[in-house]
N, C-alpha and C. Protein backbone atom coordinates (compact mmCIF):
# COMPACT_ATOMS: atom_id res chain seq x y z
N MET A 1 31.50 -0.62 4.29
CA MET A 1 31.21 0.08 3.88
C MET A 1 31.06 -0.44 2.16
N GLU A 2 31.56 -1.61 1.78
CA GLU A 2 31.48 -2.79 0.92
C GLU A 2 30.10 -3.25 0.48
N THR A 3 29.61 -3.20 1.85
CA THR A 3 28.08 -4.31 1.63
C THR A 3 26.91 -2.91 1.28
N VAL A 4 27.29 -1.68 1.76
CA VAL A 4 26.50 -0.54 1.26
C VAL A 4 27.00 0.16 -0.54
N GLY A 5 27.93 -0.79 -0.64
CA GLY A 5 28.17 -0.18 -2.08
C GLY A 5 28.50 1.38 -2.35
N LEU A 6 29.45 1.34 -1.65
CA LEU A 6 30.90 2.36 -1.27
C LEU A 6 32.20 2.16 -1.69
N ALA A 7 32.73 3.24 -2.24
CA ALA A 7 34.37 3.09 -3.17
C ALA A 7 35.31 2.43 -1.64
N GLU A 8 36.22 1.94 -1.78
CA GLU A 8 37.15 1.84 -0.97
C GLU A 8 37.61 3.18 -1.31
N ARG A 9 37.94 4.27 -2.16
CA ARG A 9 38.74 5.42 -2.18
C ARG A 9 37.97 6.61 -1.34
N LEU A 10 36.48 5.88 -1.10
CA LEU A 10 35.67 6.82 -0.11
C LEU A 10 35.93 6.69 1.43
N TYR A 11 36.79 5.88 2.01
CA TYR A 11 37.20 5.75 3.32
C TYR A 11 37.77 6.71 4.44
N ASN A 12 38.18 7.33 3.55
CA ASN A 12 38.91 8.69 4.54
C ASN A 12 38.04 10.23 4.19
N THR A 13 37.09 9.98 3.73
CA THR A 13 36.36 11.36 2.89
C THR A 13 35.39 11.74 4.11
N TYR A 14 35.72 13.17 4.21
CA TYR A 14 34.26 14.04 5.07
C TYR A 14 32.75 13.94 4.90
N PRO A 15 31.89 13.76 5.15
CA PRO A 15 30.80 13.50 4.99
C PRO A 15 30.54 14.97 3.79
N HIS A 16 30.80 16.26 4.53
CA HIS A 16 30.47 17.60 3.87
C HIS A 16 31.11 17.30 2.46
N GLU A 17 31.67 15.87 2.08
CA GLU A 17 32.61 16.06 0.77
C GLU A 17 31.49 14.80 -0.18
N LEU A 18 30.68 14.37 0.47
CA LEU A 18 29.79 13.34 -0.40
C LEU A 18 28.07 13.92 -0.49
N ASP A 19 27.94 13.37 -1.61
CA ASP A 19 26.50 13.48 -1.93
C ASP A 19 25.32 12.97 -0.92
N GLY A 20 24.14 13.09 -1.11
CA GLY A 20 23.10 12.50 -0.11
C GLY A 20 23.18 11.02 0.03
N GLY A 21 23.46 10.59 -1.27
CA GLY A 21 22.82 8.88 -1.44
C GLY A 21 24.23 8.49 -0.66
N ARG A 22 25.22 9.10 -0.94
CA ARG A 22 26.34 8.10 0.28
C ARG A 22 26.63 8.94 1.24
N ARG A 23 26.20 10.34 1.30
CA ARG A 23 25.87 10.28 3.10
C ARG A 23 25.35 8.59 4.13
N GLN A 24 24.20 8.59 2.87
CA GLN A 24 22.54 8.16 3.44
C GLN A 24 23.50 6.64 3.48
N ARG A 25 23.96 6.03 2.22
CA ARG A 25 24.80 4.69 2.75
C ARG A 25 25.40 4.51 4.37
N ILE A 26 26.45 5.73 4.30
CA ILE A 26 27.25 6.14 5.22
C ILE A 26 26.39 5.40 6.45
N GLY A 27 24.90 6.24 6.61
CA GLY A 27 24.14 6.09 7.60
C GLY A 27 23.92 4.17 8.03
N ILE A 28 23.53 4.17 6.38
CA ILE A 28 23.24 2.52 6.50
C ILE A 28 24.19 1.25 7.12
N ALA A 29 25.42 1.81 6.56
CA ALA A 29 26.71 1.38 7.09
C ALA A 29 26.96 1.31 8.68
N ARG A 30 26.58 2.22 9.42
CA ARG A 30 26.93 2.75 10.32
C ARG A 30 25.47 1.67 11.42
N ALA A 31 24.50 1.69 11.02
CA ALA A 31 23.73 0.78 11.62
C ALA A 31 23.48 -0.45 11.57
N LEU A 32 24.47 -0.76 10.53
CA LEU A 32 24.51 -2.18 10.54
C LEU A 32 25.70 -2.56 11.08
N ALA A 33 26.58 -1.67 11.49
CA ALA A 33 27.90 -2.62 12.07
C ALA A 33 27.64 -2.97 13.52
N LEU A 34 26.62 -2.89 14.15
CA LEU A 34 26.31 -3.94 15.32
C LEU A 34 25.76 -5.15 14.83
N ASN A 35 25.55 -5.41 13.97
CA ASN A 35 24.27 -6.39 13.50
C ASN A 35 23.26 -6.54 14.28
N PRO A 36 22.68 -6.05 13.76
CA PRO A 36 21.13 -5.65 14.58
C PRO A 36 20.25 -6.51 13.50
N LYS A 37 18.84 -6.92 14.34
CA LYS A 37 18.04 -7.39 13.65
C LYS A 37 16.47 -6.22 13.41
N PHE A 38 17.07 -5.49 13.79
CA PHE A 38 15.76 -4.19 14.36
C PHE A 38 16.51 -2.56 13.63
N ILE A 39 16.03 -2.42 12.65
CA ILE A 39 16.11 -0.81 12.40
C ILE A 39 15.45 0.01 12.44
N VAL A 40 15.25 0.69 13.16
CA VAL A 40 14.44 2.30 13.15
C VAL A 40 14.90 3.13 11.84
N CYS A 41 13.95 3.60 10.47
CA CYS A 41 14.28 4.61 9.64
C CYS A 41 14.04 5.66 9.80
N ASP A 42 14.30 6.80 10.40
CA ASP A 42 13.59 7.67 10.94
C ASP A 42 13.69 8.82 9.24
N GLU A 43 12.54 9.04 7.85
CA GLU A 43 12.61 9.80 6.90
C GLU A 43 14.07 9.53 6.33
N PRO A 44 14.55 8.12 5.87
CA PRO A 44 15.78 7.62 5.46
C PRO A 44 15.88 8.06 3.79
N VAL A 45 14.97 8.40 2.89
CA VAL A 45 15.04 9.44 1.27
C VAL A 45 14.41 10.28 1.30
N SER A 46 13.98 11.28 2.62
CA SER A 46 12.98 12.22 2.18
C SER A 46 13.73 13.29 1.22
N ALA A 47 15.00 13.52 1.68
CA ALA A 47 16.19 14.55 1.10
C ALA A 47 16.89 14.57 0.10
N LEU A 48 16.23 12.94 -0.31
CA LEU A 48 17.23 12.73 -1.84
C LEU A 48 15.99 12.34 -2.57
N ASP A 49 16.74 12.81 -3.84
CA ASP A 49 16.06 12.92 -5.73
C ASP A 49 15.46 11.56 -5.81
N VAL A 50 14.62 11.45 -6.67
CA VAL A 50 13.88 10.30 -6.81
C VAL A 50 14.53 9.25 -7.12
N SER A 51 15.46 9.06 -8.21
CA SER A 51 16.16 7.91 -8.76
C SER A 51 17.00 7.60 -7.83
N ILE A 52 17.57 9.01 -6.41
CA ILE A 52 18.51 8.06 -5.41
C ILE A 52 18.10 7.27 -4.59
N GLN A 53 16.62 7.85 -4.59
CA GLN A 53 15.87 7.49 -3.32
C GLN A 53 15.47 5.41 -3.92
N ALA A 54 15.38 5.45 -5.43
CA ALA A 54 14.92 3.85 -5.39
C ALA A 54 16.51 3.39 -4.93
N GLN A 55 17.65 4.04 -5.12
CA GLN A 55 18.87 3.08 -5.07
C GLN A 55 18.93 2.81 -4.12
N ILE A 56 18.39 3.56 -2.82
CA ILE A 56 18.47 3.49 -1.41
C ILE A 56 17.86 2.69 -1.00
N LEU A 57 16.20 2.58 -1.29
CA LEU A 57 15.52 1.61 -1.40
C LEU A 57 15.62 0.00 -1.64
N ASN A 58 16.15 0.29 -2.86
CA ASN A 58 16.52 -1.70 -3.28
C ASN A 58 17.58 -1.48 -2.33
N LEU A 59 18.86 -1.28 -1.92
CA LEU A 59 19.85 -1.23 -1.06
C LEU A 59 18.97 -1.58 0.05
N MET A 60 18.22 -1.25 0.75
CA MET A 60 17.73 -1.50 1.90
C MET A 60 16.92 -2.89 1.66
N GLN A 61 15.84 -3.03 0.85
CA GLN A 61 15.55 -4.29 0.57
C GLN A 61 16.34 -5.61 0.64
N ASP A 62 17.57 -5.47 -0.33
CA ASP A 62 18.37 -6.28 -0.45
C ASP A 62 19.15 -6.82 0.76
N LEU A 63 19.12 -5.87 1.54
CA LEU A 63 19.99 -5.59 2.82
C LEU A 63 19.08 -6.93 3.89
N GLN A 64 17.70 -6.33 3.44
CA GLN A 64 16.32 -7.41 4.47
C GLN A 64 16.74 -8.41 4.31
N GLU A 65 16.75 -8.93 3.14
CA GLU A 65 16.59 -10.08 2.29
C GLU A 65 17.59 -11.44 3.10
N GLU A 66 18.67 -10.03 2.54
CA GLU A 66 20.58 -11.11 3.14
C GLU A 66 20.79 -10.82 4.38
N LEU A 67 20.32 -10.47 5.11
CA LEU A 67 20.53 -9.96 6.77
C LEU A 67 19.25 -10.28 7.38
N GLY A 68 18.43 -11.10 6.83
CA GLY A 68 17.30 -11.14 8.02
C GLY A 68 16.41 -9.58 8.88
N LEU A 69 16.94 -8.40 8.38
CA LEU A 69 16.33 -7.57 9.09
C LEU A 69 15.09 -6.83 9.20
N THR A 70 14.22 -6.11 10.12
CA THR A 70 13.50 -5.97 10.36
C THR A 70 13.73 -4.41 10.50
N TYR A 71 12.67 -3.50 9.60
CA TYR A 71 12.57 -2.03 9.69
C TYR A 71 11.23 -1.21 10.25
N MET A 72 11.67 -0.50 10.69
CA MET A 72 10.23 0.51 11.03
C MET A 72 10.94 1.23 10.42
N PHE A 73 9.69 2.00 9.43
CA PHE A 73 10.11 3.12 8.49
C PHE A 73 9.31 4.05 8.88
N ILE A 74 9.76 5.36 9.50
CA ILE A 74 9.00 6.42 9.58
C ILE A 74 8.89 7.32 8.93
N THR A 75 7.70 7.97 7.78
CA THR A 75 8.17 8.83 6.49
C THR A 75 6.61 9.24 6.72
N HIS A 76 6.55 10.42 5.91
CA HIS A 76 5.56 11.22 5.60
C HIS A 76 5.02 10.64 4.01
N ASP A 77 6.07 9.78 3.18
CA ASP A 77 5.45 9.82 1.84
C ASP A 77 5.61 8.43 2.01
N LEU A 78 3.98 8.00 1.65
CA LEU A 78 2.93 6.77 1.76
C LEU A 78 3.43 6.36 0.26
N SER A 79 3.86 7.02 -0.95
CA SER A 79 4.72 6.06 -2.12
C SER A 79 5.83 5.56 -1.87
N VAL A 80 6.66 6.01 -0.34
CA VAL A 80 7.96 5.38 -0.47
C VAL A 80 7.03 4.22 0.39
N VAL A 81 6.81 4.06 1.33
CA VAL A 81 6.38 3.29 2.32
C VAL A 81 5.81 2.13 1.00
N LYS A 82 4.69 1.98 0.45
CA LYS A 82 4.04 1.03 -0.32
C LYS A 82 5.06 -0.20 -0.57
N HIS A 83 6.17 0.20 -1.13
CA HIS A 83 7.41 -0.37 -2.16
C HIS A 83 8.53 -1.21 -0.80
N ILE A 84 8.16 -1.19 0.15
CA ILE A 84 9.31 -1.34 1.58
C ILE A 84 8.47 -2.01 2.61
N SER A 85 7.17 -1.60 2.73
CA SER A 85 6.11 -2.07 3.91
C SER A 85 5.35 -3.11 3.91
N ASP A 86 5.38 -4.23 4.51
CA ASP A 86 3.96 -5.32 5.05
C ASP A 86 3.02 -4.60 5.09
N ASN A 87 3.31 -3.84 7.20
CA ASN A 87 2.39 -3.74 7.54
C ASN A 87 2.42 -2.16 7.73
N ILE A 88 1.66 -1.58 7.52
CA ILE A 88 1.22 0.18 7.86
C ILE A 88 0.68 0.84 9.56
N ALA A 89 1.06 1.63 9.90
CA ALA A 89 0.29 2.21 10.67
C ALA A 89 0.44 3.72 10.46
N VAL A 90 -0.55 4.30 10.47
CA VAL A 90 -0.65 5.36 9.73
C VAL A 90 -1.36 6.26 11.11
N MET A 91 -0.14 7.48 11.34
CA MET A 91 -0.82 7.91 12.90
C MET A 91 -0.88 9.78 12.62
N TYR A 92 -1.68 9.94 13.58
CA TYR A 92 -1.97 11.50 13.37
C TYR A 92 -1.59 12.01 14.95
N LEU A 93 -1.19 13.08 15.20
CA LEU A 93 -0.63 13.81 16.40
C LEU A 93 -0.63 12.62 17.31
N GLY A 94 0.36 11.53 16.92
CA GLY A 94 1.14 10.71 17.73
C GLY A 94 -0.15 9.50 18.83
N GLN A 95 -0.99 9.55 17.33
CA GLN A 95 -2.22 8.22 17.94
C GLN A 95 -2.19 7.96 16.14
N VAL A 96 -2.24 6.35 16.39
CA VAL A 96 -2.52 5.38 15.47
C VAL A 96 -3.67 5.18 15.10
N VAL A 97 -4.12 5.85 13.62
CA VAL A 97 -5.70 6.18 13.13
C VAL A 97 -5.54 5.11 12.06
N GLU A 98 -4.98 4.08 11.66
CA GLU A 98 -5.09 2.86 11.06
C GLU A 98 -3.81 2.28 10.79
N LEU A 99 -4.44 0.69 10.76
CA LEU A 99 -2.86 0.00 10.77
C LEU A 99 -3.68 -1.28 9.81
N ALA A 100 -2.74 -1.82 8.72
CA ALA A 100 -3.10 -2.59 7.96
C ALA A 100 -2.06 -2.87 7.11
N SER A 101 -2.07 -4.43 6.11
CA SER A 101 -1.31 -4.56 5.63
C SER A 101 -1.28 -3.74 4.37
N SER A 102 0.37 -3.19 3.89
CA SER A 102 0.53 -2.63 2.75
C SER A 102 -0.70 -2.40 1.84
N LYS A 103 -0.41 -3.57 0.97
CA LYS A 103 -1.78 -4.12 0.05
C LYS A 103 -2.96 -3.59 0.33
N GLU A 104 -3.37 -3.65 1.89
CA GLU A 104 -5.11 -3.74 1.99
C GLU A 104 -5.00 -1.86 2.78
N LEU A 105 -4.61 -1.33 2.63
CA LEU A 105 -4.37 0.30 3.09
C LEU A 105 -4.47 1.13 1.74
N PHE A 106 -3.53 0.20 0.76
CA PHE A 106 -3.42 1.28 -0.54
C PHE A 106 -4.70 0.92 -1.33
N LYS A 107 -5.11 -0.47 -0.88
CA LYS A 107 -6.56 -1.07 -2.19
C LYS A 107 -7.63 -0.35 -0.75
N ASN A 108 -7.77 -0.13 0.26
CA ASN A 108 -9.32 0.47 1.08
C ASN A 108 -8.58 0.82 2.12
N PRO A 109 -8.38 2.43 1.86
CA PRO A 109 -8.24 3.16 3.49
C PRO A 109 -9.18 3.41 3.71
N LEU A 110 -9.51 3.34 4.94
CA LEU A 110 -10.58 4.05 5.63
C LEU A 110 -10.74 5.07 6.18
N HIS A 111 -9.75 5.76 6.86
CA HIS A 111 -9.86 6.66 7.78
C HIS A 111 -9.64 8.12 7.02
N PRO A 112 -10.48 8.93 7.21
CA PRO A 112 -10.30 10.20 6.44
C PRO A 112 -8.46 10.85 6.37
N TYR A 113 -7.93 10.52 7.20
CA TYR A 113 -6.39 11.15 7.50
C TYR A 113 -5.79 10.24 6.29
N THR A 114 -5.93 9.42 6.56
CA THR A 114 -5.22 8.01 5.64
C THR A 114 -5.65 8.64 4.13
N LYS A 115 -7.01 8.78 3.91
CA LYS A 115 -7.97 9.18 2.49
C LYS A 115 -6.62 10.41 1.63
N ALA A 116 -6.46 11.64 2.86
CA ALA A 116 -5.74 12.40 2.46
C ALA A 116 -4.43 11.92 1.91
N LEU A 117 -3.39 12.07 2.86
CA LEU A 117 -2.11 11.48 2.27
C LEU A 117 -1.86 10.22 0.94
N LEU A 118 -2.95 9.50 0.65
CA LEU A 118 -2.82 9.06 -0.07
C LEU A 118 -3.29 9.86 -1.62
N SER A 119 -4.23 10.80 -1.16
CA SER A 119 -4.25 11.75 -2.53
C SER A 119 -3.26 12.63 -2.67
N ALA A 120 -2.18 12.79 -2.02
CA ALA A 120 -1.35 13.58 -2.03
C ALA A 120 0.21 13.30 -2.85
N ILE A 121 -0.39 11.56 -3.21
CA ILE A 121 0.35 11.01 -4.33
C ILE A 121 0.31 11.45 -5.52
N PRO A 122 1.56 12.04 -6.47
CA PRO A 122 1.29 11.79 -7.53
C PRO A 122 1.08 10.91 -8.48
N VAL A 123 0.20 11.05 -9.39
CA VAL A 123 -0.17 10.16 -10.54
C VAL A 123 0.65 9.97 -11.59
N PRO A 124 1.41 9.17 -12.24
CA PRO A 124 2.38 9.48 -13.17
C PRO A 124 1.06 9.18 -14.66
N SER A 125 0.25 9.80 -14.69
CA SER A 125 -0.76 9.56 -16.10
C SER A 125 -1.01 10.94 -16.25
N ILE A 126 -1.27 10.89 -17.34
CA ILE A 126 -2.17 12.52 -17.88
C ILE A 126 -3.51 12.27 -18.03
N LYS A 127 -3.97 10.98 -18.30
CA LYS A 127 -5.17 10.62 -18.49
C LYS A 127 -6.04 10.35 -17.02
N HIS A 128 -4.80 9.82 -16.20
CA HIS A 128 -5.66 9.25 -14.58
C HIS A 128 -5.11 10.68 -13.70
N LYS A 129 -6.09 11.34 -13.51
CA LYS A 129 -5.89 12.64 -12.35
C LYS A 129 -6.79 11.79 -11.03
N ARG A 130 -5.93 12.27 -9.53
CA ARG A 130 -6.86 11.54 -8.58
C ARG A 130 -7.04 12.87 -7.98
N GLU A 131 -8.36 13.21 -7.13
CA GLU A 131 -8.42 13.93 -6.38
C GLU A 131 -8.42 14.01 -5.57
N ARG A 132 -7.03 15.23 -5.21
CA ARG A 132 -6.76 15.55 -4.40
C ARG A 132 -7.57 16.16 -2.90
N ILE A 133 -7.05 15.48 -1.84
CA ILE A 133 -8.13 15.95 -0.44
C ILE A 133 -7.19 16.86 0.10
N LEU A 134 -7.89 18.26 0.33
CA LEU A 134 -6.96 19.47 0.75
C LEU A 134 -7.79 19.32 2.46
N LEU A 135 -6.68 19.16 3.28
CA LEU A 135 -7.04 19.47 4.50
C LEU A 135 -7.07 21.53 4.87
N LYS A 136 -7.99 21.41 5.59
CA LYS A 136 -8.20 22.83 5.97
C LYS A 136 -8.62 22.34 7.47
N GLY A 137 -8.66 23.70 8.10
CA GLY A 137 -8.88 23.32 9.98
C GLY A 137 -7.61 23.66 10.45
N GLU A 138 -7.90 24.15 11.94
CA GLU A 138 -6.58 24.15 12.68
C GLU A 138 -6.09 22.59 13.29
N ILE A 139 -5.03 22.87 13.59
CA ILE A 139 -4.35 21.49 14.38
C ILE A 139 -4.48 21.66 15.50
N THR A 140 -4.71 20.12 15.94
CA THR A 140 -5.09 20.24 17.34
C THR A 140 -3.97 20.47 17.51
N SER A 141 -4.12 20.90 19.44
CA SER A 141 -2.69 21.09 19.86
C SER A 141 -1.77 19.39 20.48
N PRO A 142 -1.03 19.09 19.81
CA PRO A 142 -0.46 17.64 20.40
C PRO A 142 0.07 17.73 21.76
N ILE A 143 0.04 18.88 22.80
CA ILE A 143 0.87 19.44 23.73
C ILE A 143 -0.35 18.72 24.93
N ASN A 144 -1.42 19.44 24.97
CA ASN A 144 -2.89 18.91 25.71
C ASN A 144 -4.31 18.84 24.81
N PRO A 145 -4.41 17.98 23.96
CA PRO A 145 -5.29 17.96 22.88
C PRO A 145 -6.73 17.25 23.57
N PRO A 146 -7.31 18.01 23.07
CA PRO A 146 -9.22 18.07 24.10
C PRO A 146 -9.65 16.51 23.78
N GLU A 147 -10.63 16.71 24.38
CA GLU A 147 -11.56 15.18 23.88
C GLU A 147 -11.82 15.05 22.50
N GLY A 148 -12.01 13.43 22.10
CA GLY A 148 -12.06 13.37 20.59
C GLY A 148 -11.25 12.89 20.04
N CYS A 149 -11.34 13.00 18.69
CA CYS A 149 -10.60 12.52 17.42
C CYS A 149 -10.01 13.71 17.58
N ARG A 150 -8.38 13.33 17.37
CA ARG A 150 -7.54 15.08 17.28
C ARG A 150 -7.54 15.11 15.61
N PHE A 151 -8.42 14.23 14.64
CA PHE A 151 -8.40 14.91 13.60
C PHE A 151 -9.44 15.54 12.97
N ALA A 152 -10.49 15.80 14.27
CA ALA A 152 -11.91 16.17 14.06
C ALA A 152 -11.95 17.76 13.57
N LYS A 153 -10.98 18.44 14.19
CA LYS A 153 -11.06 19.38 13.31
C LYS A 153 -10.46 19.66 11.74
N ARG A 154 -9.84 18.99 11.55
CA ARG A 154 -9.63 19.34 9.98
C ARG A 154 -10.42 18.26 9.15
N CYS A 155 -11.22 17.15 9.61
CA CYS A 155 -11.75 16.24 8.84
C CYS A 155 -12.86 17.07 8.29
N TRP A 156 -13.44 16.34 7.24
CA TRP A 156 -14.75 16.86 6.25
C TRP A 156 -15.84 16.32 6.56
N MET A 157 -15.53 15.01 7.34
CA MET A 157 -16.80 14.00 7.97
C MET A 157 -17.57 13.78 9.21
N ALA A 158 -16.34 15.18 9.89
CA ALA A 158 -16.72 15.43 11.29
C ALA A 158 -17.75 15.80 11.95
N GLN A 159 -18.47 14.47 13.04
CA GLN A 159 -19.78 14.91 13.32
C GLN A 159 -19.90 15.20 14.94
N ASP A 160 -20.59 15.53 15.53
CA ASP A 160 -20.84 15.72 16.90
C ASP A 160 -19.86 14.71 18.01
N ARG A 161 -20.10 13.77 17.71
CA ARG A 161 -19.02 12.38 18.44
C ARG A 161 -17.80 12.58 18.13
N CYS A 162 -17.29 12.89 17.17
CA CYS A 162 -16.08 13.22 16.89
C CYS A 162 -15.36 13.90 17.85
N PHE A 163 -15.81 15.50 18.30
CA PHE A 163 -14.91 16.05 18.72
C PHE A 163 -15.49 16.20 20.32
N LYS A 164 -16.75 15.00 20.27
CA LYS A 164 -16.84 14.46 22.29
C LYS A 164 -16.35 12.96 22.41
N GLU A 165 -15.95 12.37 21.38
CA GLU A 165 -15.56 11.15 22.19
C GLU A 165 -14.12 10.41 21.62
N THR A 166 -13.21 10.03 21.87
CA THR A 166 -11.80 9.66 21.40
C THR A 166 -12.34 8.22 21.02
N PRO A 167 -12.17 7.67 19.23
CA PRO A 167 -12.40 6.75 18.75
C PRO A 167 -11.29 5.58 19.03
N GLU A 168 -11.55 4.03 18.82
CA GLU A 168 -11.02 3.15 19.21
C GLU A 168 -10.69 2.38 18.27
N LEU A 169 -9.17 2.19 18.41
CA LEU A 169 -8.75 1.27 16.93
C LEU A 169 -9.17 0.43 16.78
N LYS A 170 -10.28 -0.30 16.23
CA LYS A 170 -10.76 -1.47 16.14
C LYS A 170 -10.70 -1.72 14.54
N ASN A 171 -10.35 -3.60 14.87
CA ASN A 171 -10.28 -4.58 13.64
C ASN A 171 -11.85 -4.60 13.43
N ILE A 172 -11.53 -3.77 12.06
CA ILE A 172 -13.16 -4.13 10.62
C ILE A 172 -13.03 -5.03 9.96
N GLY A 173 -12.35 -6.53 10.26
CA GLY A 173 -11.57 -7.12 9.65
C GLY A 173 -10.85 -7.48 8.34
N ASN A 174 -10.21 -8.49 8.19
CA ASN A 174 -9.01 -8.52 7.27
C ASN A 174 -7.70 -8.31 7.69
N GLU A 175 -8.07 -7.94 9.14
CA GLU A 175 -6.67 -7.67 10.11
C GLU A 175 -6.55 -6.40 9.46
N HIS A 176 -7.55 -5.54 9.49
CA HIS A 176 -7.58 -3.93 8.84
C HIS A 176 -8.21 -3.17 10.16
N HIS A 177 -7.12 -2.48 11.18
CA HIS A 177 -8.23 -1.71 12.04
C HIS A 177 -8.21 0.00 12.17
N VAL A 178 -9.08 0.22 12.52
CA VAL A 178 -9.27 2.10 12.15
C VAL A 178 -9.79 2.63 13.34
N ALA A 179 -9.31 3.51 13.86
CA ALA A 179 -9.76 4.57 14.55
C ALA A 179 -10.68 5.73 13.98
N CYS A 180 -11.67 4.97 14.15
CA CYS A 180 -12.39 6.92 13.45
C CYS A 180 -14.35 5.79 13.48
N HIS A 181 -15.22 7.12 14.68
CA HIS A 181 -16.56 6.60 14.47
C HIS A 181 -17.18 6.10 13.51
N LEU A 182 -17.33 6.92 11.81
CA LEU A 182 -17.69 6.69 10.92
C LEU A 182 -17.65 5.55 10.09
N VAL A 183 -16.33 4.73 10.40
CA VAL A 183 -16.10 3.55 9.99
C VAL A 183 -17.04 2.85 10.52
N LYS A 184 -17.48 1.84 10.08
CA LYS A 184 -18.69 0.45 10.29
C LYS A 184 -17.88 -0.97 10.30
């Protein structure tokens, strides 16, 4: 518990007596108990306010450096991913649609779904307004998806080919991979 910044007085505390940040620290401590090298983090900061998110992310980065950990960070919040990830795989309905280094993905998003996700990140500036991409259309069934791109029904750029052929994840240079017929 000391490793994750929890006071000794909390050793015998019940989970319902703790706030979200402390509960998350306990979750991290439990994950570290077996001295892993790889930890899967599924939405580790989603239910926390921004200041607590920052504390938990800083703790995770410190532990990563200190203990030589590798994280698989699963989240819908790309602004969080940007600061903790070296490489990012964007998935849509179970398929990777874009894979790149964090720096490359944020500088040059190529897949329409990635662009829509990035457009949803709030910009803390009155002068700089990002145009939001609002996704419309029907979500493809993840249980029995039809042929073609799984994102095609919601994609504003979709063409006939997108509904018929499943795009392959291909390297378009600079170790940037994308699964979209419209990206050359």
